[in-house]
Amino acid sequence: MSLLPESGPDDQQLVRYLLGLLPEEDAERLEEASIVDDEIAGRLRVVENDLVDAYASGSLEGESLRRFESFYLSSPLRRRKVKFAGSFHRAVNQPAVSVEANSVTRAVPASAVEPEAFPVASRPKRRIVPGAESPWRLAVAALLVLTCGALVFWDARLRSGLTEAQRQSAALERQAHELEQQLLEQRAANAETAKELTRVRASLAELAQQGPDQQPGRSGSALQALATIAVVLLPQTRAVDPIATLALPPGTARVAFELRLESNEFPRYQVVLKDPAKNEAIWRSPRVAAMSTGDQSSVFVVVPAGLLKPQHYSLELVGQSAAGAAQTIGSYTVQVAVR
């Protein structure tokens, strides 16, 4: 059960997240919330800046200090941010050095100058001596401006990098979830195909062992064998090969096709049943993996018999690479006839 409140995480939970102290489930939920919720993302940045300032100023201690150095500083981007924060604190806390003014002014008694000794227009103007201001103050001010500018620049880069990393992480998690779902569907389809093929082969073997006198009174498994029949097809070659003929008995519900492979080079396959007369696909199988028996690999699919009419059909075998690219690698032909 998640410990994050419905109203959003508080500052203490944000600090624990930055130090890697939150449970994995709560950390993942907070990462997702910081991506979709600008308010939480802003609070997280403020808490992170405060945490970095506390470390740079030396006020972080105890377990928080140990987790900051072992977990937070494990990231190169975060280390650069802490480095700039440390430079800023050292510049601000540098002790002032008193510098004597280069210009020396003499004290003149007030009685030595009469008030009306010079006309107003001809009175000497007061000159401002440049050395009167300490140069270290200007240097420190310039350093502070440069440091603050650098901190703002790197903070923007850090936030941009963190946002991009979070976006890529979310995309990878979605892709992993989709691949996991496809794998589960593929395993389920393979298991169902293997079960159907095993049952058909067992029923056909039982039917073949029955004598002619047993045929009229077929058993339940024999009737089930007639409901599903199995056909083995070989890939087409350049030579003129005879077309396999499939005779569908009345009551056939499904046809299990075994498509022999010359080489098993793809993790998944899909079979497309086409009507050559109309040049269109009338059925597609789920993505399945090939099954191997000895040195022979085959792809097994079960097609509803109601789709097949007395005519010529082709079954195109499409290989699916791990990256999702599809490639037609073979074609199989069959002539359907009705008994």
C-alpha atoms as a PDB file:
ATOM      1  CA  MET A   1       0.000   0.000   0.000  1.00  0.00           C
ATOM      2  CA  SER A   2       1.395   3.426  -0.915  1.00  0.00           C
ATOM      3  CA  LEU A   3       2.281   5.862   1.874  1.00  0.00           C
ATOM      4  CA  LEU A   4       1.831   8.947  -0.348  1.00  0.00           C
ATOM      5  CA  PRO A   5      -1.226  11.022   0.683  1.00  0.00           C
ATOM      6  CA  GLU A   6      -3.885  11.797  -1.867  1.00  0.00           C
ATOM      7  CA  SER A   7      -3.221  15.536  -1.472  1.00  0.00           C
ATOM      8  CA  GLY A   8       0.404  15.080  -2.589  1.00  0.00           C
ATOM      9  CA  PRO A   9       3.728  14.463  -0.823  1.00  0.00           C
ATOM     10  CA  ASP A  10       4.943  16.805   1.911  1.00  0.00           C
ATOM     11  CA  ASP A  11       8.450  18.333   2.059  1.00  0.00           C
ATOM     12  CA  GLN A  12       9.748  15.580   4.352  1.00  0.00           C
ATOM     13  CA  GLN A  13       8.737  12.913   1.829  1.00  0.00           C
ATOM     14  CA  LEU A  14      10.403  14.911  -0.959  1.00  0.00           C
ATOM     15  CA  VAL A  15      13.637  15.023   1.072  1.00  0.00           C
ATOM     16  CA  ARG A  16      13.436  11.253   1.683  1.00  0.00           C
ATOM     17  CA  TYR A  17      12.916  10.750  -2.052  1.00  0.00           C
ATOM     18  CA  LEU A  18      15.985  12.840  -2.908  1.00  0.00           C
ATOM     19  CA  LEU A  19      18.048  10.856  -0.380  1.00  0.00           C
ATOM     20  CA  GLY A  20      16.774   7.499  -1.673  1.00  0.00           C
ATOM     21  CA  LEU A  21      14.950   6.645   1.595  1.00  0.00           C
ATOM     22  CA  LEU A  22      11.440   6.167   0.167  1.00  0.00           C
ATOM     23  CA  PRO A  23      10.145   2.655  -0.595  1.00  0.00           C
ATOM     24  CA  GLU A  24      10.527   1.712  -4.248  1.00  0.00           C
ATOM     25  CA  GLU A  25       6.760   1.836  -4.900  1.00  0.00           C
ATOM     26  CA  ASP A  26       6.396   5.324  -3.366  1.00  0.00           C
ATOM     27  CA  ALA A  27       9.496   6.560  -5.232  1.00  0.00           C
ATOM     28  CA  GLU A  28       8.051   5.409  -8.560  1.00  0.00           C
ATOM     29  CA  ARG A  29       4.696   7.052  -7.816  1.00  0.00           C
ATOM     30  CA  LEU A  30       6.428  10.312  -6.882  1.00  0.00           C
ATOM     31  CA  GLU A  31       8.537  10.241 -10.079  1.00  0.00           C
ATOM     32  CA  GLU A  32       5.400   9.792 -12.176  1.00  0.00           C
ATOM     33  CA  ALA A  33       3.633  12.588 -10.268  1.00  0.00           C
ATOM     34  CA  SER A  34       6.562  14.981 -10.792  1.00  0.00           C
ATOM     35  CA  ILE A  35       6.326  14.393 -14.546  1.00  0.00           C
ATOM     36  CA  VAL A  36       2.604  15.063 -14.933  1.00  0.00           C
ATOM     37  CA  ASP A  37       2.098  17.590 -12.091  1.00  0.00           C
ATOM     38  CA  ASP A  38       3.929  20.933 -12.464  1.00  0.00           C
ATOM     39  CA  GLU A  39       3.186  21.912  -8.858  1.00  0.00           C
ATOM     40  CA  ILE A  40       4.871  18.801  -7.451  1.00  0.00           C
ATOM     41  CA  ALA A  41       7.793  19.280  -9.860  1.00  0.00           C
ATOM     42  CA  GLY A  42       8.242  22.878  -8.655  1.00  0.00           C
ATOM     43  CA  ARG A  43       8.123  21.864  -4.982  1.00  0.00           C
ATOM     44  CA  LEU A  44      10.647  19.113  -5.667  1.00  0.00           C
ATOM     45  CA  ARG A  45      13.068  21.622  -7.214  1.00  0.00           C
ATOM     46  CA  VAL A  46      12.718  24.004  -4.222  1.00  0.00           C
ATOM     47  CA  VAL A  47      13.319  21.186  -1.709  1.00  0.00           C
ATOM     48  CA  GLU A  48      16.305  19.974  -3.745  1.00  0.00           C
ATOM     49  CA  ASN A  49      17.856  23.465  -3.818  1.00  0.00           C
ATOM     50  CA  ASP A  50      17.397  23.798  -0.050  1.00  0.00           C
ATOM     51  CA  LEU A  51      19.002  20.401   0.483  1.00  0.00           C
ATOM     52  CA  VAL A  52      21.998  21.318  -1.688  1.00  0.00           C
ATOM     53  CA  ASP A  53      22.392  24.673   0.125  1.00  0.00           C
ATOM     54  CA  ALA A  54      22.304  22.899   3.485  1.00  0.00           C
ATOM     55  CA  TYR A  55      25.088  20.565   2.377  1.00  0.00           C
ATOM     56  CA  ALA A  56      27.179  23.390   0.891  1.00  0.00           C
ATOM     57  CA  SER A  57      26.832  25.449   4.098  1.00  0.00           C
ATOM     58  CA  GLY A  58      27.765  22.486   6.305  1.00  0.00           C
ATOM     59  CA  SER A  59      24.445  22.365   8.165  1.00  0.00           C
ATOM     60  CA  LEU A  60      23.581  18.844   6.943  1.00  0.00           C
ATOM     61  CA  GLU A  61      24.551  16.156   9.424  1.00  0.00           C
ATOM     62  CA  GLY A  62      23.827  12.659  10.682  1.00  0.00           C
ATOM     63  CA  GLU A  63      22.028  10.132   8.511  1.00  0.00           C
ATOM     64  CA  SER A  64      20.917  12.858   6.081  1.00  0.00           C
ATOM     65  CA  LEU A  65      24.562  13.781   5.430  1.00  0.00           C
ATOM     66  CA  ARG A  66      25.567  10.147   4.874  1.00  0.00           C
ATOM     67  CA  ARG A  67      22.651   9.489   2.480  1.00  0.00           C
ATOM     68  CA  PHE A  68      23.349  12.757   0.633  1.00  0.00           C
ATOM     69  CA  GLU A  69      26.982  11.794  -0.001  1.00  0.00           C
ATOM     70  CA  SER A  70      26.288   8.141  -0.830  1.00  0.00           C
ATOM     71  CA  PHE A  71      23.031   8.456  -2.845  1.00  0.00           C
ATOM     72  CA  TYR A  72      22.460  12.020  -4.046  1.00  0.00           C
ATOM     73  CA  LEU A  73      26.075  12.611  -5.107  1.00  0.00           C
ATOM     74  CA  SER A  74      26.126   9.380  -7.151  1.00  0.00           C
ATOM     75  CA  SER A  75      24.816  11.396 -10.123  1.00  0.00           C
ATOM     76  CA  PRO A  76      27.370  13.472 -12.136  1.00  0.00           C
ATOM     77  CA  LEU A  77      24.773  16.176 -12.814  1.00  0.00           C
ATOM     78  CA  ARG A  78      23.973  16.506  -9.117  1.00  0.00           C
ATOM     79  CA  ARG A  79      27.672  16.653  -8.223  1.00  0.00           C
ATOM     80  CA  ARG A  80      28.145  19.602 -10.591  1.00  0.00           C
ATOM     81  CA  LYS A  81      25.198  21.378  -9.000  1.00  0.00           C
ATOM     82  CA  VAL A  82      26.658  20.861  -5.522  1.00  0.00           C
ATOM     83  CA  LYS A  83      30.065  22.097  -6.751  1.00  0.00           C
ATOM     84  CA  PHE A  84      28.588  25.400  -7.969  1.00  0.00           C
ATOM     85  CA  ALA A  85      26.636  25.801  -4.745  1.00  0.00           C
ATOM     86  CA  GLY A  86      29.865  25.327  -2.770  1.00  0.00           C
ATOM     87  CA  SER A  87      31.642  27.974  -4.890  1.00  0.00           C
ATOM     88  CA  PHE A  88      28.789  30.394  -4.249  1.00  0.00           C
ATOM     89  CA  HIS A  89      28.924  29.901  -0.485  1.00  0.00           C
ATOM     90  CA  ARG A  90      32.716  30.334  -0.387  1.00  0.00           C
ATOM     91  CA  ALA A  91      32.464  33.577  -2.381  1.00  0.00           C
ATOM     92  CA  VAL A  92      29.759  34.987  -0.104  1.00  0.00           C
ATOM     93  CA  ASN A  93      31.520  34.021   3.145  1.00  0.00           C
ATOM     94  CA  GLN A  94      35.023  35.275   2.086  1.00  0.00           C
ATOM     95  CA  PRO A  95      36.371  37.655   4.810  1.00  0.00           C
ATOM     96  CA  ALA A  96      36.647  41.279   3.781  1.00  0.00           C
ATOM     97  CA  VAL A  97      40.176  42.714   3.446  1.00  0.00           C
ATOM     98  CA  SER A  98      40.556  46.387   4.325  1.00  0.00           C
ATOM     99  CA  VAL A  99      42.442  48.383   1.732  1.00  0.00           C
ATOM    100  CA  GLU A 100      43.770  51.871   2.497  1.00  0.00           C
ATOM    101  CA  ALA A 101      42.884  54.587   0.078  1.00  0.00           C
ATOM    102  CA  ASN A 102      45.722  55.671  -2.195  1.00  0.00           C
ATOM    103  CA  SER A 103      44.715  59.304  -2.121  1.00  0.00           C
ATOM    104  CA  VAL A 104      45.438  61.387   0.967  1.00  0.00           C
ATOM    105  CA  THR A 105      43.410  64.480   1.705  1.00  0.00           C
ATOM    106  CA  ARG A 106      44.621  67.241   3.916  1.00  0.00           C
ATOM    107  CA  ALA A 107      42.477  68.768   6.609  1.00  0.00           C
ATOM    108  CA  VAL A 108      42.017  72.455   6.057  1.00  0.00           C
ATOM    109  CA  PRO A 109      40.801  74.622   8.941  1.00  0.00           C
ATOM    110  CA  ALA A 110      37.467  76.182   8.315  1.00  0.00           C
ATOM    111  CA  SER A 111      38.785  79.598   9.316  1.00  0.00           C
ATOM    112  CA  ALA A 112      41.412  79.553   6.561  1.00  0.00           C
ATOM    113  CA  VAL A 113      38.765  80.043   3.896  1.00  0.00           C
ATOM    114  CA  GLU A 114      36.383  82.882   4.117  1.00  0.00           C
ATOM    115  CA  PRO A 115      32.841  82.192   3.011  1.00  0.00           C
ATOM    116  CA  GLU A 116      32.939  84.867   0.297  1.00  0.00           C
ATOM    117  CA  ALA A 117      36.601  84.311  -0.789  1.00  0.00           C
ATOM    118  CA  PHE A 118      35.460  82.832  -4.130  1.00  0.00           C
ATOM    119  CA  PRO A 119      32.456  83.674  -6.226  1.00  0.00           C
ATOM    120  CA  VAL A 120      29.877  80.950  -6.493  1.00  0.00           C
ATOM    121  CA  ALA A 121      30.684  80.232 -10.151  1.00  0.00           C
ATOM    122  CA  SER A 122      34.432  80.091  -9.501  1.00  0.00           C
ATOM    123  CA  ARG A 123      34.412  77.925  -6.386  1.00  0.00           C
ATOM    124  CA  PRO A 124      36.427  74.673  -6.841  1.00  0.00           C
ATOM    125  CA  LYS A 125      34.243  71.623  -7.402  1.00  0.00           C
ATOM    126  CA  ARG A 126      34.544  68.620  -5.126  1.00  0.00           C
ATOM    127  CA  ARG A 127      36.343  65.799  -6.900  1.00  0.00           C
ATOM    128  CA  ILE A 128      35.451  62.196  -6.249  1.00  0.00           C
ATOM    129  CA  VAL A 129      38.586  60.127  -5.842  1.00  0.00           C
ATOM    130  CA  PRO A 130      38.231  56.689  -7.568  1.00  0.00           C
ATOM    131  CA  GLY A 131      40.275  54.968  -4.898  1.00  0.00           C
ATOM    132  CA  ALA A 132      37.843  56.002  -2.181  1.00  0.00           C
ATOM    133  CA  GLU A 133      35.752  52.869  -2.799  1.00  0.00           C
ATOM    134  CA  SER A 134      37.398  49.577  -1.878  1.00  0.00           C
ATOM    135  CA  PRO A 135      38.117  47.524  -5.047  1.00  0.00           C
ATOM    136  CA  TRP A 136      37.435  44.189  -3.348  1.00  0.00           C
ATOM    137  CA  ARG A 137      33.732  45.050  -3.094  1.00  0.00           C
ATOM    138  CA  LEU A 138      33.503  45.432  -6.854  1.00  0.00           C
ATOM    139  CA  ALA A 139      35.406  42.186  -7.355  1.00  0.00           C
ATOM    140  CA  VAL A 140      33.111  40.298  -4.988  1.00  0.00           C
ATOM    141  CA  ALA A 141      30.027  41.794  -6.648  1.00  0.00           C
ATOM    142  CA  ALA A 142      31.295  40.754 -10.082  1.00  0.00           C
ATOM    143  CA  LEU A 143      32.062  37.263  -8.775  1.00  0.00           C
ATOM    144  CA  LEU A 144      28.597  36.971  -7.255  1.00  0.00           C
ATOM    145  CA  VAL A 145      26.968  38.022 -10.518  1.00  0.00           C
ATOM    146  CA  LEU A 146      29.006  35.501 -12.496  1.00  0.00           C
ATOM    147  CA  THR A 147      28.371  32.745  -9.951  1.00  0.00           C
ATOM    148  CA  CYS A 148      24.639  33.403  -9.826  1.00  0.00           C
ATOM    149  CA  GLY A 149      24.480  33.413 -13.614  1.00  0.00           C
ATOM    150  CA  ALA A 150      26.358  30.130 -13.780  1.00  0.00           C
ATOM    151  CA  LEU A 151      24.093  28.604 -11.120  1.00  0.00           C
ATOM    152  CA  VAL A 152      20.984  29.672 -13.001  1.00  0.00           C
ATOM    153  CA  PHE A 153      22.390  28.268 -16.243  1.00  0.00           C
ATOM    154  CA  TRP A 154      23.361  24.935 -14.736  1.00  0.00           C
ATOM    155  CA  ASP A 155      20.137  24.689 -12.770  1.00  0.00           C
ATOM    156  CA  ALA A 156      18.203  25.085 -16.018  1.00  0.00           C
ATOM    157  CA  ARG A 157      20.370  22.435 -17.661  1.00  0.00           C
ATOM    158  CA  LEU A 158      19.924  20.093 -14.704  1.00  0.00           C
ATOM    159  CA  ARG A 159      16.157  20.525 -14.751  1.00  0.00           C
ATOM    160  CA  SER A 160      16.076  19.976 -18.506  1.00  0.00           C
ATOM    161  CA  GLY A 161      18.235  16.868 -18.187  1.00  0.00           C
ATOM    162  CA  LEU A 162      16.135  15.517 -15.325  1.00  0.00           C
ATOM    163  CA  THR A 163      12.910  16.098 -17.268  1.00  0.00           C
ATOM    164  CA  GLU A 164      14.333  14.361 -20.328  1.00  0.00           C
ATOM    165  CA  ALA A 165      15.594  11.446 -18.210  1.00  0.00           C
ATOM    166  CA  GLN A 166      12.189  11.093 -16.569  1.00  0.00           C
ATOM    167  CA  ARG A 167      10.483  11.209 -19.971  1.00  0.00           C
ATOM    168  CA  GLN A 168      12.789   8.518 -21.350  1.00  0.00           C
ATOM    169  CA  SER A 169      12.292   6.401 -18.228  1.00  0.00           C
ATOM    170  CA  ALA A 170       8.509   6.617 -18.572  1.00  0.00           C
ATOM    171  CA  ALA A 171       8.739   5.721 -22.281  1.00  0.00           C
ATOM    172  CA  LEU A 172      10.954   2.716 -21.518  1.00  0.00           C
ATOM    173  CA  GLU A 173       8.552   1.553 -18.813  1.00  0.00           C
ATOM    174  CA  ARG A 174       5.638   1.767 -21.260  1.00  0.00           C
ATOM    175  CA  GLN A 175       7.615  -0.136 -23.887  1.00  0.00           C
ATOM    176  CA  ALA A 176       8.582  -2.812 -21.364  1.00  0.00           C
ATOM    177  CA  HIS A 177       4.937  -3.161 -20.319  1.00  0.00           C
ATOM    178  CA  GLU A 178       3.814  -3.505 -23.939  1.00  0.00           C
ATOM    179  CA  LEU A 179       6.498  -6.118 -24.656  1.00  0.00           C
ATOM    180  CA  GLU A 180       5.497  -8.024 -21.534  1.00  0.00           C
ATOM    181  CA  GLN A 181       1.859  -8.047 -22.657  1.00  0.00           C
ATOM    182  CA  GLN A 182       2.866  -9.251 -26.129  1.00  0.00           C
ATOM    183  CA  LEU A 183       4.983 -11.989 -24.580  1.00  0.00           C
ATOM    184  CA  LEU A 184       2.094 -13.163 -22.404  1.00  0.00           C
ATOM    185  CA  GLU A 185      -0.252 -13.186 -25.396  1.00  0.00           C
ATOM    186  CA  GLN A 186       2.300 -15.077 -27.454  1.00  0.00           C
ATOM    187  CA  ARG A 187       2.806 -17.687 -24.734  1.00  0.00           C
ATOM    188  CA  ALA A 188      -0.941 -18.154 -24.370  1.00  0.00           C
ATOM    189  CA  ALA A 189      -1.379 -18.553 -28.143  1.00  0.00           C
ATOM    190  CA  ASN A 190       1.527 -21.010 -28.338  1.00  0.00           C
ATOM    191  CA  ALA A 191       0.154 -23.070 -25.460  1.00  0.00           C
ATOM    192  CA  GLU A 192      -3.303 -23.218 -27.011  1.00  0.00           C
ATOM    193  CA  THR A 193      -1.903 -24.201 -30.415  1.00  0.00           C
ATOM    194  CA  ALA A 194       0.283 -26.915 -28.918  1.00  0.00           C
ATOM    195  CA  LYS A 195      -2.632 -28.287 -26.906  1.00  0.00           C
ATOM    196  CA  GLU A 196      -4.882 -28.357 -29.978  1.00  0.00           C
ATOM    197  CA  LEU A 197      -2.217 -30.025 -32.105  1.00  0.00           C
ATOM    198  CA  THR A 198      -1.514 -32.690 -29.478  1.00  0.00           C
ATOM    199  CA  ARG A 199      -5.207 -33.457 -29.140  1.00  0.00           C
ATOM    200  CA  VAL A 200      -5.698 -33.674 -32.916  1.00  0.00           C
ATOM    201  CA  ARG A 201      -2.723 -35.973 -33.390  1.00  0.00           C
ATOM    202  CA  ALA A 202      -3.869 -38.251 -30.563  1.00  0.00           C
ATOM    203  CA  SER A 203      -7.385 -38.430 -31.972  1.00  0.00           C
ATOM    204  CA  LEU A 204      -6.128 -39.141 -35.484  1.00  0.00           C
ATOM    205  CA  ALA A 205      -3.848 -41.891 -34.174  1.00  0.00           C
ATOM    206  CA  GLU A 206      -6.773 -43.460 -32.334  1.00  0.00           C
ATOM    207  CA  LEU A 207      -8.923 -43.231 -35.427  1.00  0.00           C
ATOM    208  CA  ALA A 208      -6.224 -44.892 -37.554  1.00  0.00           C
ATOM    209  CA  GLN A 209      -5.927 -47.802 -35.118  1.00  0.00           C
ATOM    210  CA  GLN A 210      -9.629 -48.597 -35.330  1.00  0.00           C
ATOM    211  CA  GLY A 211     -10.576 -51.342 -37.749  1.00  0.00           C
ATOM    212  CA  PRO A 212     -13.154 -50.983 -40.509  1.00  0.00           C
ATOM    213  CA  ASP A 213     -15.775 -52.646 -38.355  1.00  0.00           C
ATOM    214  CA  GLN A 214     -15.355 -49.933 -35.755  1.00  0.00           C
ATOM    215  CA  GLN A 215     -15.747 -47.008 -38.143  1.00  0.00           C
ATOM    216  CA  PRO A 216     -19.580 -46.749 -38.164  1.00  0.00           C
ATOM    217  CA  GLY A 217     -19.683 -46.497 -34.381  1.00  0.00           C
ATOM    218  CA  ARG A 218     -16.973 -43.912 -33.932  1.00  0.00           C
ATOM    219  CA  SER A 219     -15.991 -42.995 -30.385  1.00  0.00           C
ATOM    220  CA  GLY A 220     -16.299 -39.485 -29.002  1.00  0.00           C
ATOM    221  CA  SER A 221     -12.588 -38.784 -29.575  1.00  0.00           C
ATOM    222  CA  ALA A 222     -12.890 -39.938 -33.196  1.00  0.00           C
ATOM    223  CA  LEU A 223     -15.788 -37.550 -33.760  1.00  0.00           C
ATOM    224  CA  GLN A 224     -13.696 -34.842 -32.157  1.00  0.00           C
ATOM    225  CA  ALA A 225     -10.880 -35.664 -34.604  1.00  0.00           C
ATOM    226  CA  LEU A 226     -13.271 -35.096 -37.480  1.00  0.00           C
ATOM    227  CA  ALA A 227     -14.153 -31.695 -36.008  1.00  0.00           C
ATOM    228  CA  THR A 228     -10.476 -30.657 -36.302  1.00  0.00           C
ATOM    229  CA  ILE A 229      -8.092 -31.956 -38.943  1.00  0.00           C
ATOM    230  CA  ALA A 230      -4.357 -31.373 -39.317  1.00  0.00           C
ATOM    231  CA  VAL A 231      -2.481 -30.553 -42.529  1.00  0.00           C
ATOM    232  CA  VAL A 232       1.277 -30.333 -43.090  1.00  0.00           C
ATOM    233  CA  LEU A 233       2.381 -27.825 -45.772  1.00  0.00           C
ATOM    234  CA  LEU A 234       5.815 -27.296 -47.282  1.00  0.00           C
ATOM    235  CA  PRO A 235       7.077 -23.942 -48.540  1.00  0.00           C
ATOM    236  CA  GLN A 236       6.858 -23.231 -52.250  1.00  0.00           C
ATOM    237  CA  THR A 237      10.032 -23.576 -54.316  1.00  0.00           C
ATOM    238  CA  ARG A 238      10.954 -22.550 -57.834  1.00  0.00           C
ATOM    239  CA  ALA A 239      10.289 -26.064 -59.027  1.00  0.00           C
ATOM    240  CA  VAL A 240       6.768 -27.013 -60.037  1.00  0.00           C
ATOM    241  CA  ASP A 241       5.533 -28.875 -56.946  1.00  0.00           C
ATOM    242  CA  PRO A 242       2.116 -30.476 -56.672  1.00  0.00           C
ATOM    243  CA  ILE A 243      -0.380 -28.433 -54.676  1.00  0.00           C
ATOM    244  CA  ALA A 244      -1.514 -30.019 -51.418  1.00  0.00           C
ATOM    245  CA  THR A 245      -5.223 -30.898 -51.379  1.00  0.00           C
ATOM    246  CA  LEU A 246      -7.346 -30.552 -48.251  1.00  0.00           C
ATOM    247  CA  ALA A 247     -10.579 -32.566 -48.278  1.00  0.00           C
ATOM    248  CA  LEU A 248     -12.929 -31.195 -45.619  1.00  0.00           C
ATOM    249  CA  PRO A 249     -15.387 -33.813 -44.256  1.00  0.00           C
ATOM    250  CA  PRO A 250     -18.808 -32.567 -43.185  1.00  0.00           C
ATOM    251  CA  GLY A 251     -18.786 -31.270 -39.614  1.00  0.00           C
ATOM    252  CA  THR A 252     -15.185 -30.048 -39.675  1.00  0.00           C
ATOM    253  CA  ALA A 253     -14.871 -27.036 -37.396  1.00  0.00           C
ATOM    254  CA  ARG A 254     -11.159 -26.242 -37.473  1.00  0.00           C
ATOM    255  CA  VAL A 255      -8.101 -26.938 -39.603  1.00  0.00           C
ATOM    256  CA  ALA A 256      -4.681 -27.114 -37.937  1.00  0.00           C
ATOM    257  CA  PHE A 257      -1.937 -26.159 -40.388  1.00  0.00           C
ATOM    258  CA  GLU A 258       1.676 -27.126 -39.757  1.00  0.00           C
ATOM    259  CA  LEU A 259       3.918 -24.895 -41.880  1.00  0.00           C
ATOM    260  CA  ARG A 260       7.407 -26.382 -42.203  1.00  0.00           C
ATOM    261  CA  LEU A 261      10.297 -23.901 -42.008  1.00  0.00           C
ATOM    262  CA  GLU A 262      13.512 -24.064 -43.970  1.00  0.00           C
ATOM    263  CA  SER A 263      15.236 -22.057 -41.188  1.00  0.00           C
ATOM    264  CA  ASN A 264      14.023 -20.610 -37.902  1.00  0.00           C
ATOM    265  CA  GLU A 265      15.422 -17.052 -37.889  1.00  0.00           C
ATOM    266  CA  PHE A 266      12.666 -15.013 -36.200  1.00  0.00           C
ATOM    267  CA  PRO A 267      11.380 -15.016 -32.607  1.00  0.00           C
ATOM    268  CA  ARG A 268       7.732 -14.709 -33.759  1.00  0.00           C
ATOM    269  CA  TYR A 269       5.694 -15.443 -36.840  1.00  0.00           C
ATOM    270  CA  GLN A 270       2.277 -14.525 -38.201  1.00  0.00           C
ATOM    271  CA  VAL A 271       0.293 -16.423 -40.847  1.00  0.00           C
ATOM    272  CA  VAL A 272      -1.951 -14.566 -43.320  1.00  0.00           C
ATOM    273  CA  LEU A 273      -4.612 -16.587 -45.173  1.00  0.00           C
ATOM    274  CA  LYS A 274      -5.251 -15.082 -48.620  1.00  0.00           C
ATOM    275  CA  ASP A 275      -7.821 -15.611 -51.340  1.00  0.00           C
ATOM    276  CA  PRO A 276      -5.792 -15.461 -54.582  1.00  0.00           C
ATOM    277  CA  ALA A 277      -8.912 -14.906 -56.680  1.00  0.00           C
ATOM    278  CA  LYS A 278      -9.656 -11.631 -54.864  1.00  0.00           C
ATOM    279  CA  ASN A 279      -6.058 -10.930 -53.811  1.00  0.00           C
ATOM    280  CA  GLU A 280      -7.109 -10.094 -50.257  1.00  0.00           C
ATOM    281  CA  ALA A 281      -6.418 -11.402 -46.765  1.00  0.00           C
ATOM    282  CA  ILE A 282      -9.357 -13.144 -45.095  1.00  0.00           C
ATOM    283  CA  TRP A 283      -7.701 -14.209 -41.823  1.00  0.00           C
ATOM    284  CA  ARG A 284      -4.619 -13.456 -39.721  1.00  0.00           C
ATOM    285  CA  SER A 285      -3.175 -15.564 -36.934  1.00  0.00           C
ATOM    286  CA  PRO A 286      -1.815 -14.206 -33.654  1.00  0.00           C
ATOM    287  CA  ARG A 287       1.958 -13.875 -33.391  1.00  0.00           C
ATOM    288  CA  VAL A 288       3.387 -17.249 -32.392  1.00  0.00           C
ATOM    289  CA  ALA A 289       6.820 -18.769 -31.966  1.00  0.00           C
ATOM    290  CA  ALA A 290       8.029 -21.724 -34.016  1.00  0.00           C
ATOM    291  CA  MET A 291       8.180 -25.179 -32.435  1.00  0.00           C
ATOM    292  CA  SER A 292      11.075 -27.551 -33.055  1.00  0.00           C
ATOM    293  CA  THR A 293      11.091 -31.343 -33.192  1.00  0.00           C
ATOM    294  CA  GLY A 294      14.611 -32.577 -33.705  1.00  0.00           C
ATOM    295  CA  ASP A 295      16.121 -30.633 -36.601  1.00  0.00           C
ATOM    296  CA  GLN A 296      12.734 -29.599 -38.012  1.00  0.00           C
ATOM    297  CA  SER A 297      11.025 -26.324 -37.041  1.00  0.00           C
ATOM    298  CA  SER A 298       7.380 -25.566 -37.827  1.00  0.00           C
ATOM    299  CA  VAL A 299       4.756 -22.907 -37.224  1.00  0.00           C
ATOM    300  CA  PHE A 300       1.342 -24.178 -36.083  1.00  0.00           C
ATOM    301  CA  VAL A 301      -1.894 -22.238 -36.581  1.00  0.00           C
ATOM    302  CA  VAL A 302      -5.566 -23.240 -36.295  1.00  0.00           C
ATOM    303  CA  VAL A 303      -7.918 -21.771 -38.919  1.00  0.00           C
ATOM    304  CA  PRO A 304     -11.742 -21.853 -38.610  1.00  0.00           C
ATOM    305  CA  ALA A 305     -13.045 -24.251 -41.267  1.00  0.00           C
ATOM    306  CA  GLY A 306     -15.990 -21.937 -41.990  1.00  0.00           C
ATOM    307  CA  LEU A 307     -13.590 -19.570 -43.811  1.00  0.00           C
ATOM    308  CA  LEU A 308     -12.544 -22.233 -46.322  1.00  0.00           C
ATOM    309  CA  LYS A 309     -14.472 -22.870 -49.519  1.00  0.00           C
ATOM    310  CA  PRO A 310     -13.745 -25.320 -52.355  1.00  0.00           C
ATOM    311  CA  GLN A 311     -11.010 -23.291 -54.069  1.00  0.00           C
ATOM    312  CA  HIS A 312      -7.301 -22.474 -54.051  1.00  0.00           C
ATOM    313  CA  TYR A 313      -5.760 -20.620 -51.031  1.00  0.00           C
ATOM    314  CA  SER A 314      -2.330 -19.332 -50.077  1.00  0.00           C
ATOM    315  CA  LEU A 315      -0.853 -18.928 -46.602  1.00  0.00           C
ATOM    316  CA  GLU A 316       1.848 -16.283 -46.318  1.00  0.00           C
ATOM    317  CA  LEU A 317       4.320 -16.617 -43.460  1.00  0.00           C
ATOM    318  CA  VAL A 318       5.510 -13.273 -42.015  1.00  0.00           C
ATOM    319  CA  GLY A 319       8.531 -13.158 -39.691  1.00  0.00           C
ATOM    320  CA  GLN A 320       8.490 -10.625 -36.822  1.00  0.00           C
ATOM    321  CA  SER A 321      11.923  -9.443 -35.638  1.00  0.00           C
ATOM    322  CA  ALA A 322      12.691  -8.467 -32.044  1.00  0.00           C
ATOM    323  CA  ALA A 323      12.553  -4.803 -33.087  1.00  0.00           C
ATOM    324  CA  GLY A 324       9.030  -5.259 -34.514  1.00  0.00           C
ATOM    325  CA  ALA A 325       9.939  -5.264 -38.223  1.00  0.00           C
ATOM    326  CA  ALA A 326       7.849  -7.604 -40.395  1.00  0.00           C
ATOM    327  CA  GLN A 327       9.154  -9.574 -43.389  1.00  0.00           C
ATOM    328  CA  THR A 328       7.358 -12.101 -45.626  1.00  0.00           C
ATOM    329  CA  ILE A 329       9.596 -15.174 -45.713  1.00  0.00           C
ATOM    330  CA  GLY A 330       7.477 -17.871 -47.345  1.00  0.00           C
ATOM    331  CA  SER A 331       4.254 -18.846 -49.070  1.00  0.00           C
ATOM    332  CA  TYR A 332       2.272 -22.078 -48.819  1.00  0.00           C
ATOM    333  CA  THR A 333      -0.541 -23.199 -51.114  1.00  0.00           C
ATOM    334  CA  VAL A 334      -3.472 -25.546 -50.536  1.00  0.00           C
ATOM    335  CA  GLN A 335      -6.477 -26.639 -52.576  1.00  0.00           C
ATOM    336  CA  VAL A 336      -9.634 -27.054 -50.501  1.00  0.00           C
ATOM    337  CA  ALA A 337     -12.194 -29.628 -51.539  1.00  0.00           C
ATOM    338  CA  VAL A 338     -15.375 -30.880 -49.856  1.00  0.00           C
ATOM    339  CA  ARG A 339     -16.060 -34.599 -49.500  1.00  0.00           C
END
